């Protein structure tokens, strides 16, 4: 999800690397709380409202962008949207909202909030709602979303249907308290629904998203954490560089996590093949349902692995007040890899790459750590610049000068060679057009 203007974040001061901070900004993180299907079955009006809100904002966004670009469904990056949704388009947006929202039976209150946050509705296809967080005995001031940590309940109301409540899980409460300890405040909330794309789009998985924000200062880094992002089965390597010297190396994830992903993929492939050969429709449906369940489990597993890797890397960067520098893969190379492994055992190991880069960037912003994506070669010799050849077990050898090393170490060697140049780049205050909300 994306929200409002762009930020970076504060850092934890280290005794040996006390940073100079600069560039005040606001940063955002969001907690997504799923609405259980039991509640939806008991309250079909909740599902109806979420779908109507989603349809209304989709039609509004489609009409607004068509007016501005002349295209039916323009595919625009967040930065392009920011440039397009300038303040002088506000009145046009408000007029479209006034025409569209009543068609879906939405309460005036929802339309007014959509008009106030007209740009943000386009970004994440949801209407921001006002929200209150009660930690102790604060008075309820009748916001649309009321989060009561004391009772562990989120209440949603004032949306044209009877109020409903969702229970907070223990890890939800822990997450919220951690954000409060970091100085964040609850700013907004969303009632959202996932849209499954296909010939006939369907909707499912309702949720309430709580958006937390805090003002931060970006640090002036005294070290660099370089991250070489590979397929998950090849591992992610991170190295701490201080004064141009490699002080520490992380190798993630552990082999057991990779083995579990391989096992899931092989089982899904087996079930898919068996279902394709099954003549009985009932047994085929059971096989397909089982394969879908395991695919969902695999996705959650990848997401968990990516979150763990990002946490480990960010903790290292926080400890040494270091900038996070990620070795970027060229878009064409990434597309080639995806196409080459479109149905093979290796494809799902590529799925976590984009997730990891985004999560690293957003966590770095939240903690005030400068973030930089820089091309650090793994197949070009860092000694003489010649193209290297891969031997076995991911070892690379230069045919010109004889340099020989593991492929995962080569980007770190390039970073050591360019350390002062890279460090200087990370010291420049960074601004981006939008802020991406990191969902937990």
Protein backbone atom coordinates (compact mmCIF):
# COMPACT_ATOMS: atom_id res chain seq x y z
CA UNK A 1 0.00 0.00 0.00
CA UNK A 2 1.14 3.51 -0.65
CA UNK A 3 0.29 6.65 1.20
CA UNK A 4 0.82 10.38 1.19
CA UNK A 5 4.25 11.93 0.69
CA UNK A 6 7.65 10.40 0.88
CA UNK A 7 9.78 9.81 3.94
CA UNK A 8 12.84 8.26 5.49
CA UNK A 9 13.49 7.55 9.14
CA UNK A 10 15.38 7.92 12.43
CA UNK A 11 18.09 5.62 13.74
CA UNK A 12 19.32 4.06 16.91
CA UNK A 13 22.49 5.74 18.08
CA UNK A 14 25.46 3.44 18.50
CA UNK A 15 28.15 4.23 21.03
CA UNK A 16 30.95 3.73 18.49
CA UNK A 17 29.13 5.19 15.49
CA UNK A 18 27.12 8.13 16.84
CA UNK A 19 25.38 9.51 13.73
CA UNK A 20 24.65 13.04 12.65
CA UNK A 21 20.95 13.15 11.83
CA UNK A 22 19.26 15.29 9.21
CA UNK A 23 16.23 15.52 6.95
CA UNK A 24 12.99 15.47 8.99
CA UNK A 25 10.32 13.31 7.34
CA UNK A 26 7.21 11.29 8.09
CA UNK A 27 7.27 7.53 7.63
CA UNK A 28 4.45 5.01 7.68
CA UNK A 29 3.87 1.37 8.51
CA UNK A 30 0.63 -0.52 8.47
CA UNK A 31 -0.79 -3.52 10.30
CA UNK A 32 -3.31 -5.59 8.39
CA UNK A 33 -5.88 -7.35 10.57
CA UNK A 34 -7.86 -9.98 8.70
CA UNK A 35 -11.60 -10.15 9.32
CA UNK A 36 -12.47 -13.83 10.02
CA UNK A 37 -14.88 -15.50 7.62
CA UNK A 38 -17.03 -16.54 10.56
CA UNK A 39 -17.87 -12.88 11.12
CA UNK A 40 -18.47 -12.35 7.38
CA UNK A 41 -20.88 -15.30 7.30
CA UNK A 42 -22.77 -13.86 10.26
CA UNK A 43 -22.64 -10.33 8.82
CA UNK A 44 -22.94 -10.43 4.99
CA UNK A 45 -23.50 -6.65 5.09
CA UNK A 46 -19.80 -6.25 6.01
CA UNK A 47 -18.75 -8.10 2.84
CA UNK A 48 -21.29 -6.12 0.83
CA UNK A 49 -19.97 -2.80 2.13
CA UNK A 50 -16.32 -3.72 1.47
CA UNK A 51 -17.13 -4.79 -2.10
CA UNK A 52 -19.19 -1.64 -2.76
CA UNK A 53 -16.39 0.56 -1.45
CA UNK A 54 -13.86 -1.27 -3.60
CA UNK A 55 -16.02 -1.01 -6.74
CA UNK A 56 -16.63 2.70 -6.09
CA UNK A 57 -12.96 3.58 -5.68
CA UNK A 58 -12.00 1.48 -8.72
CA UNK A 59 -14.53 3.28 -10.91
CA UNK A 60 -13.46 6.66 -9.50
CA UNK A 61 -9.76 5.94 -10.13
CA UNK A 62 -10.47 4.59 -13.61
CA UNK A 63 -12.52 7.64 -14.61
CA UNK A 64 -10.09 10.13 -13.11
CA UNK A 65 -7.05 8.59 -14.81
CA UNK A 66 -8.90 8.35 -18.13
CA UNK A 67 -9.75 12.06 -17.89
CA UNK A 68 -6.10 12.88 -17.19
CA UNK A 69 -4.40 10.50 -19.64
CA UNK A 70 -7.03 9.69 -22.27
CA UNK A 71 -6.34 5.95 -21.72
CA UNK A 72 -8.77 3.33 -20.42
CA UNK A 73 -6.44 1.56 -17.94
CA UNK A 74 -3.08 3.36 -17.84
CA UNK A 75 -0.33 1.41 -16.07
CA UNK A 76 1.50 4.05 -14.06
CA UNK A 77 4.27 3.77 -11.50
CA UNK A 78 3.68 5.52 -8.14
CA UNK A 79 6.11 8.29 -9.12
CA UNK A 80 4.14 8.88 -12.34
CA UNK A 81 0.89 9.04 -10.39
CA UNK A 82 2.33 11.63 -8.02
CA UNK A 83 3.33 13.82 -10.96
CA UNK A 84 -0.12 13.37 -12.49
CA UNK A 85 -2.29 13.98 -9.40
CA UNK A 86 -1.39 17.63 -8.89
CA UNK A 87 -3.46 19.97 -6.67
CA UNK A 88 -5.18 21.58 -9.67
CA UNK A 89 -6.88 18.20 -10.38
CA UNK A 90 -8.59 18.17 -6.98
CA UNK A 91 -11.90 19.66 -8.15
CA UNK A 92 -12.14 17.18 -11.01
CA UNK A 93 -11.53 14.33 -8.55
CA UNK A 94 -14.17 15.65 -6.14
CA UNK A 95 -16.74 15.92 -8.93
CA UNK A 96 -16.15 12.31 -10.02
CA UNK A 97 -16.44 11.06 -6.42
CA UNK A 98 -19.76 12.89 -6.02
CA UNK A 99 -21.04 11.21 -9.17
CA UNK A 100 -19.70 7.71 -8.50
CA UNK A 101 -20.06 7.00 -4.77
CA UNK A 102 -23.89 7.43 -4.51
CA UNK A 103 -24.30 4.77 -7.24
CA UNK A 104 -22.92 2.21 -4.78
CA UNK A 105 -25.08 3.30 -1.84
CA UNK A 106 -22.16 4.63 0.19
CA UNK A 107 -22.77 6.97 3.09
CA UNK A 108 -21.98 10.67 2.66
CA UNK A 109 -19.30 10.36 5.34
CA UNK A 110 -17.32 7.91 3.16
CA UNK A 111 -17.56 10.17 0.12
CA UNK A 112 -16.34 13.17 2.12
CA UNK A 113 -13.28 11.25 3.35
CA UNK A 114 -12.62 10.07 -0.19
CA UNK A 115 -12.72 13.68 -1.41
CA UNK A 116 -10.33 14.76 1.34
CA UNK A 117 -7.86 11.97 0.49
CA UNK A 118 -8.59 12.01 -3.24
CA UNK A 119 -4.99 11.29 -4.28
CA UNK A 120 -4.44 8.44 -1.82
CA UNK A 121 -7.64 6.66 -2.88
CA UNK A 122 -6.11 6.33 -6.36
CA UNK A 123 -2.89 4.84 -4.97
CA UNK A 124 -4.29 2.02 -2.87
CA UNK A 125 -7.90 1.66 -4.06
CA UNK A 126 -9.37 2.19 -0.59
CA UNK A 127 -10.90 5.07 1.36
CA UNK A 128 -8.84 6.24 4.38
CA UNK A 129 -10.94 6.42 7.55
CA UNK A 130 -10.26 8.34 10.74
CA UNK A 131 -9.11 6.19 13.65
CA UNK A 132 -8.44 6.32 17.38
CA UNK A 133 -6.16 4.14 19.49
CA UNK A 134 -7.02 3.61 23.16
CA UNK A 135 -4.04 2.42 25.19
CA UNK A 136 -5.43 3.06 28.67
CA UNK A 137 -8.66 4.80 29.66
CA UNK A 138 -8.81 7.50 26.98
CA UNK A 139 -12.27 8.77 26.07
CA UNK A 140 -13.86 7.33 22.94
CA UNK A 141 -14.21 10.28 20.52
CA UNK A 142 -16.37 8.42 17.96
CA UNK A 143 -13.91 7.82 15.15
CA UNK A 144 -14.87 5.37 12.38
CA UNK A 145 -12.24 2.86 13.55
CA UNK A 146 -11.66 2.45 17.28
CA UNK A 147 -8.72 0.29 18.40
CA UNK A 148 -8.89 -0.66 22.08
CA UNK A 149 -5.65 -2.29 23.23
CA UNK A 150 -7.05 -2.84 26.70
CA UNK A 151 -9.86 -5.11 25.51
CA UNK A 152 -8.01 -6.29 22.38
CA UNK A 153 -10.80 -5.23 20.02
CA UNK A 154 -11.03 -3.17 16.81
CA UNK A 155 -14.48 -1.62 16.29
CA UNK A 156 -15.60 -0.37 12.88
CA UNK A 157 -18.63 1.92 12.73
CA UNK A 158 -20.21 5.01 11.13
CA UNK A 159 -20.08 3.44 7.66
CA UNK A 160 -23.81 3.02 6.98
CA UNK A 161 -24.14 -0.50 8.44
CA UNK A 162 -24.39 -1.67 12.07
CA UNK A 163 -20.99 -1.57 13.85
CA UNK A 164 -18.86 -4.71 13.95
CA UNK A 165 -15.78 -5.75 15.94
CA UNK A 166 -12.65 -7.79 15.18
CA UNK A 167 -10.52 -9.37 17.88
CA UNK A 168 -6.81 -8.46 17.95
CA UNK A 169 -4.40 -11.37 18.12
CA UNK A 170 -1.58 -11.30 20.66
CA UNK A 171 1.03 -10.66 17.98
CA UNK A 172 -1.09 -7.74 16.69
CA UNK A 173 -1.01 -6.14 20.14
CA UNK A 174 2.74 -6.74 20.46
CA UNK A 175 3.32 -5.16 17.03
CA UNK A 176 1.27 -2.07 17.95
CA UNK A 177 3.07 -1.63 21.27
CA UNK A 178 6.45 -1.89 19.53
CA UNK A 179 5.44 0.89 17.11
CA UNK A 180 4.24 3.05 20.02
CA UNK A 181 7.58 2.55 21.79
CA UNK A 182 9.27 3.80 18.60
CA UNK A 183 7.21 6.99 18.81
CA UNK A 184 4.60 6.19 16.15
CA UNK A 185 0.94 7.18 16.32
CA UNK A 186 -2.16 5.71 14.71
CA UNK A 187 -3.14 8.07 11.90
CA UNK A 188 -5.63 6.34 9.60
CA UNK A 189 -7.34 3.04 8.90
CA UNK A 190 -8.84 1.25 5.89
CA UNK A 191 -11.59 -1.29 5.41
CA UNK A 192 -10.19 -3.32 2.54
CA UNK A 193 -10.81 -6.41 0.46
CA UNK A 194 -8.43 -8.35 -1.76
CA UNK A 195 -9.25 -8.57 -5.44
CA UNK A 196 -8.38 -11.83 -7.19
CA UNK A 197 -7.73 -11.13 -10.85
CA UNK A 198 -8.98 -13.33 -13.66
CA UNK A 199 -11.53 -13.43 -16.45
CA UNK A 200 -14.18 -12.76 -13.81
CA UNK A 201 -12.55 -10.83 -10.93
CA UNK A 202 -13.63 -12.06 -7.51
CA UNK A 203 -13.23 -10.60 -4.03
CA UNK A 204 -12.15 -12.19 -0.79
CA UNK A 205 -10.11 -11.80 2.43
CA UNK A 206 -11.52 -8.75 4.15
CA UNK A 207 -9.25 -6.80 6.44
CA UNK A 208 -8.84 -3.66 8.52
CA UNK A 209 -5.51 -1.91 7.93
CA UNK A 210 -4.14 0.38 10.66
CA UNK A 211 -1.67 3.02 9.47
CA UNK A 212 0.96 4.23 11.94
CA UNK A 213 3.19 7.25 11.31
CA UNK A 214 6.05 9.02 12.99
CA UNK A 215 8.38 11.90 12.27
CA UNK A 216 11.96 10.82 11.83
CA UNK A 217 15.41 12.04 10.89
CA UNK A 218 17.64 10.29 8.41
CA UNK A 219 21.09 9.51 9.78
CA UNK A 220 24.41 10.38 8.26
CA UNK A 221 25.89 6.89 7.87
CA UNK A 222 29.30 5.82 9.19
CA UNK A 223 29.27 2.33 7.62
CA UNK A 224 27.62 0.35 4.83
CA UNK A 225 25.72 -2.93 4.82
CA UNK A 226 25.92 -4.37 1.30
CA UNK A 227 23.22 -6.88 0.29
CA UNK A 228 23.59 -9.29 -2.62
CA UNK A 229 20.04 -10.43 -3.48
CA UNK A 230 19.86 -13.86 -5.14
CA UNK A 231 17.23 -16.51 -5.62
CA UNK A 232 16.30 -17.75 -2.17
CA UNK A 233 17.83 -21.19 -2.78
CA UNK A 234 21.17 -19.53 -3.62
CA UNK A 235 20.98 -17.47 -0.45
CA UNK A 236 21.20 -13.77 0.35
CA UNK A 237 24.60 -12.45 1.40
CA UNK A 238 25.02 -9.27 3.47
CA UNK A 239 28.36 -7.76 4.45
CA UNK A 240 29.16 -4.97 6.92
CA UNK A 241 31.81 -2.61 5.60
CA UNK A 242 33.49 -0.12 7.96
CA UNK A 243 36.24 2.16 6.66
CA UNK A 244 36.42 0.05 3.53
CA UNK A 245 37.04 -3.19 5.43
CA UNK A 246 34.69 -6.18 5.65
CA UNK A 247 33.86 -6.62 9.35
CA UNK A 248 30.99 -9.11 9.30
CA UNK A 249 29.08 -11.33 6.86
CA UNK A 250 25.55 -12.77 7.05
CA UNK A 251 24.37 -15.69 4.95
CA UNK A 252 20.57 -16.15 4.88
CA UNK A 253 18.22 -18.08 4.96
CA UNK A 254 19.23 -21.37 6.57
CA UNK A 255 19.19 -24.53 4.48
CA UNK A 256 16.22 -26.06 6.34
CA UNK A 257 13.94 -23.24 5.16
CA UNK A 258 15.06 -23.77 1.56
CA UNK A 259 14.47 -27.54 1.86
CA UNK A 260 10.92 -26.89 3.10
CA UNK A 261 10.21 -24.62 0.12
CA UNK A 262 11.53 -27.29 -2.26
CA UNK A 263 9.35 -29.94 -0.62
CA UNK A 264 6.24 -27.76 -0.93
CA UNK A 265 6.95 -27.02 -4.57
CA UNK A 266 7.47 -30.70 -5.43
CA UNK A 267 4.23 -31.67 -3.67
CA UNK A 268 2.26 -28.94 -5.48
CA UNK A 269 3.69 -30.10 -8.83
CA UNK A 270 2.76 -33.72 -8.04
CA UNK A 271 -0.82 -32.75 -7.11
CA UNK A 272 -1.22 -30.57 -10.21
CA UNK A 273 -0.07 -33.43 -12.43
CA UNK A 274 -2.34 -35.93 -10.70
CA UNK A 275 -5.33 -33.57 -10.96
CA UNK A 276 -4.71 -33.09 -14.69
CA UNK A 277 -4.89 -36.88 -15.20
CA UNK A 278 -7.87 -37.46 -12.88
CA UNK A 279 -11.14 -38.24 -14.71
CA UNK A 280 -13.45 -38.12 -11.68
CA UNK A 281 -14.49 -34.45 -11.12
CA UNK A 282 -14.92 -34.82 -7.36
CA UNK A 283 -11.45 -36.32 -6.81
CA UNK A 284 -9.94 -33.79 -9.23
CA UNK A 285 -11.48 -30.91 -7.27
CA UNK A 286 -10.05 -32.30 -4.02
CA UNK A 287 -6.59 -32.52 -5.56
CA UNK A 288 -6.86 -28.95 -6.90
CA UNK A 289 -8.05 -27.66 -3.53
CA UNK A 290 -5.10 -29.35 -1.79
CA UNK A 291 -2.66 -27.87 -4.34
CA UNK A 292 -4.14 -24.38 -3.80
CA UNK A 293 -3.83 -24.76 -0.04
CA UNK A 294 -0.15 -25.73 -0.33
CA UNK A 295 0.50 -22.88 -2.80
CA UNK A 296 -0.91 -20.47 -0.24
CA UNK A 297 1.25 -22.08 2.45
CA UNK A 298 4.32 -21.73 0.19
CA UNK A 299 3.55 -18.04 -0.35
CA UNK A 300 3.26 -17.47 3.42
CA UNK A 301 6.52 -19.38 3.94
CA UNK A 302 8.34 -17.20 1.40
CA UNK A 303 6.91 -14.09 3.00
CA UNK A 304 8.08 -15.25 6.42
CA UNK A 305 11.58 -16.04 5.14
CA UNK A 306 11.83 -12.64 3.47
CA UNK A 307 10.67 -10.88 6.65
CA UNK A 308 13.29 -12.75 8.71
CA UNK A 309 16.10 -11.94 6.26
CA UNK A 310 15.13 -8.25 6.19
CA UNK A 311 15.00 -8.06 10.02
CA UNK A 312 18.47 -9.58 10.38
CA UNK A 313 19.97 -7.17 7.83
CA UNK A 314 18.26 -4.10 9.28
CA UNK A 315 19.33 -5.02 12.83
CA UNK A 316 22.93 -5.18 11.64
CA UNK A 317 22.58 -1.79 9.92
CA UNK A 318 20.95 -0.24 13.02
CA UNK A 319 23.72 -1.48 15.29
CA UNK A 320 26.41 0.27 13.25
CA UNK A 321 24.35 3.23 11.95
CA UNK A 322 25.00 1.95 8.46
CA UNK A 323 23.44 2.68 5.11
CA UNK A 324 21.76 -0.25 3.35
CA UNK A 325 23.10 -0.77 -0.19
CA UNK A 326 21.36 -3.41 -2.31
CA UNK A 327 22.94 -4.90 -5.41
CA UNK A 328 20.28 -4.39 -8.06
CA UNK A 329 19.40 -6.92 -10.71
CA UNK A 330 18.68 -5.36 -14.09
CA UNK A 331 14.98 -5.54 -15.03
CA UNK A 332 15.72 -7.43 -18.25
CA UNK A 333 17.78 -10.03 -16.39
CA UNK A 334 15.00 -10.51 -13.84
CA UNK A 335 12.38 -10.95 -16.58
CA UNK A 336 14.59 -13.46 -18.39
CA UNK A 337 15.02 -15.49 -15.22
CA UNK A 338 11.26 -15.49 -14.55
CA UNK A 339 10.48 -16.57 -18.13
CA UNK A 340 13.22 -19.20 -18.17
CA UNK A 341 11.87 -20.74 -14.96
CA UNK A 342 8.19 -19.95 -15.58
CA UNK A 343 7.00 -23.43 -14.60
CA UNK A 344 10.10 -25.03 -13.13
CA UNK A 345 11.25 -25.86 -9.63
CA UNK A 346 13.35 -22.68 -9.45
CA UNK A 347 10.59 -20.17 -10.30
CA UNK A 348 9.21 -19.79 -6.79
CA UNK A 349 12.70 -19.04 -5.43
CA UNK A 350 12.59 -15.87 -7.56
CA UNK A 351 9.28 -14.75 -6.06
CA UNK A 352 10.88 -13.36 -2.92
CA UNK A 353 13.35 -11.02 -4.68
CA UNK A 354 11.00 -8.09 -5.18
CA UNK A 355 9.49 -8.60 -1.72
CA UNK A 356 12.92 -8.50 -0.09
CA UNK A 357 14.04 -5.32 -1.86
CA UNK A 358 10.81 -3.52 -0.98
CA UNK A 359 10.88 -4.67 2.64
CA UNK A 360 14.51 -3.64 3.08
CA UNK A 361 13.77 -0.21 1.64
CA UNK A 362 10.71 0.36 3.83
CA UNK A 363 12.35 -0.84 7.05
CA UNK A 364 15.41 1.27 6.29
CA UNK A 365 13.11 4.29 5.90
CA UNK A 366 11.35 3.48 9.16
CA UNK A 367 14.63 3.38 11.10
CA UNK A 368 16.29 6.36 9.39
CA UNK A 369 18.84 4.30 7.50
CA UNK A 370 19.79 5.62 4.05
CA UNK A 371 18.87 3.12 1.33
CA UNK A 372 20.62 2.85 -2.02
CA UNK A 373 20.31 0.44 -4.96
CA UNK A 374 23.62 0.13 -6.77
CA UNK A 375 24.86 -2.23 -9.48
CA UNK A 376 27.58 -4.42 -7.96
CA UNK A 377 28.64 -7.08 -10.41
CA UNK A 378 28.92 -10.78 -9.63
CA UNK A 379 30.23 -11.89 -13.05
CA UNK A 380 32.70 -9.03 -13.74
CA UNK A 381 36.18 -9.37 -12.27
CA UNK A 382 36.73 -6.76 -9.52
CA UNK A 383 40.47 -6.94 -10.12
CA UNK A 384 40.77 -6.37 -13.89
CA UNK A 385 37.19 -5.84 -15.13
CA UNK A 386 37.07 -8.86 -17.45
CA UNK A 387 34.04 -11.14 -17.84
CA UNK A 388 34.41 -14.14 -15.52
CA UNK A 389 33.39 -17.75 -16.07
CA UNK A 390 31.40 -19.87 -13.62
CA UNK A 391 33.11 -23.12 -12.59
CA UNK A 392 31.05 -25.18 -10.17
CA UNK A 393 29.37 -24.59 -6.79
CA UNK A 394 28.91 -20.93 -7.81
CA UNK A 395 32.63 -20.22 -8.01
CA UNK A 396 33.75 -17.61 -10.54
CA UNK A 397 37.15 -17.45 -12.23
CA UNK A 398 38.62 -14.64 -14.32
CA UNK A 399 40.31 -16.01 -17.50
CA UNK A 400 42.50 -12.90 -17.75
CA UNK A 401 44.03 -12.36 -14.29
CA UNK A 402 43.12 -15.64 -12.58
CA UNK A 403 40.93 -14.07 -9.83
CA UNK A 404 38.85 -16.83 -8.21
CA UNK A 405 36.06 -16.49 -5.63
CA UNK A 406 32.51 -17.49 -4.74
CA UNK A 407 29.95 -15.65 -6.87
CA UNK A 408 28.15 -14.33 -3.77
CA UNK A 409 31.33 -12.68 -2.48
CA UNK A 410 32.12 -10.78 -5.69
CA UNK A 411 29.58 -7.93 -5.09
CA UNK A 412 31.07 -7.42 -1.61
CA UNK A 413 34.54 -7.10 -3.14
CA UNK A 414 33.18 -4.56 -5.64
CA UNK A 415 31.63 -2.65 -2.71
CA UNK A 416 34.97 -2.65 -0.82
CA UNK A 417 36.67 -1.26 -3.91
CA UNK A 418 34.04 1.51 -4.29
CA UNK A 419 33.42 2.00 -0.55
CA UNK A 420 34.08 5.73 -0.23
CA UNK A 421 32.18 6.54 -3.41
CA UNK A 422 29.15 4.51 -2.25
CA UNK A 423 29.29 5.96 1.28
CA UNK A 424 29.28 9.48 -0.15
CA UNK A 425 26.19 8.66 -2.24
CA UNK A 426 24.31 7.40 0.81
CA UNK A 427 25.03 10.64 2.69
CA UNK A 428 22.93 12.64 0.25
CA UNK A 429 19.44 13.36 1.69
CA UNK A 430 17.03 11.13 -0.22
CA UNK A 431 13.49 12.06 -1.17
CA UNK A 432 10.95 9.95 -3.01
CA UNK A 433 7.56 10.79 -4.43
CA UNK A 434 5.49 8.35 -2.40
CA UNK A 435 5.72 6.37 0.78
CA UNK A 436 5.03 2.66 0.60
CA UNK A 437 3.36 1.22 3.66
CA UNK A 438 5.07 -1.88 4.98
CA UNK A 439 2.35 -4.37 5.82
CA UNK A 440 2.74 -6.83 8.66
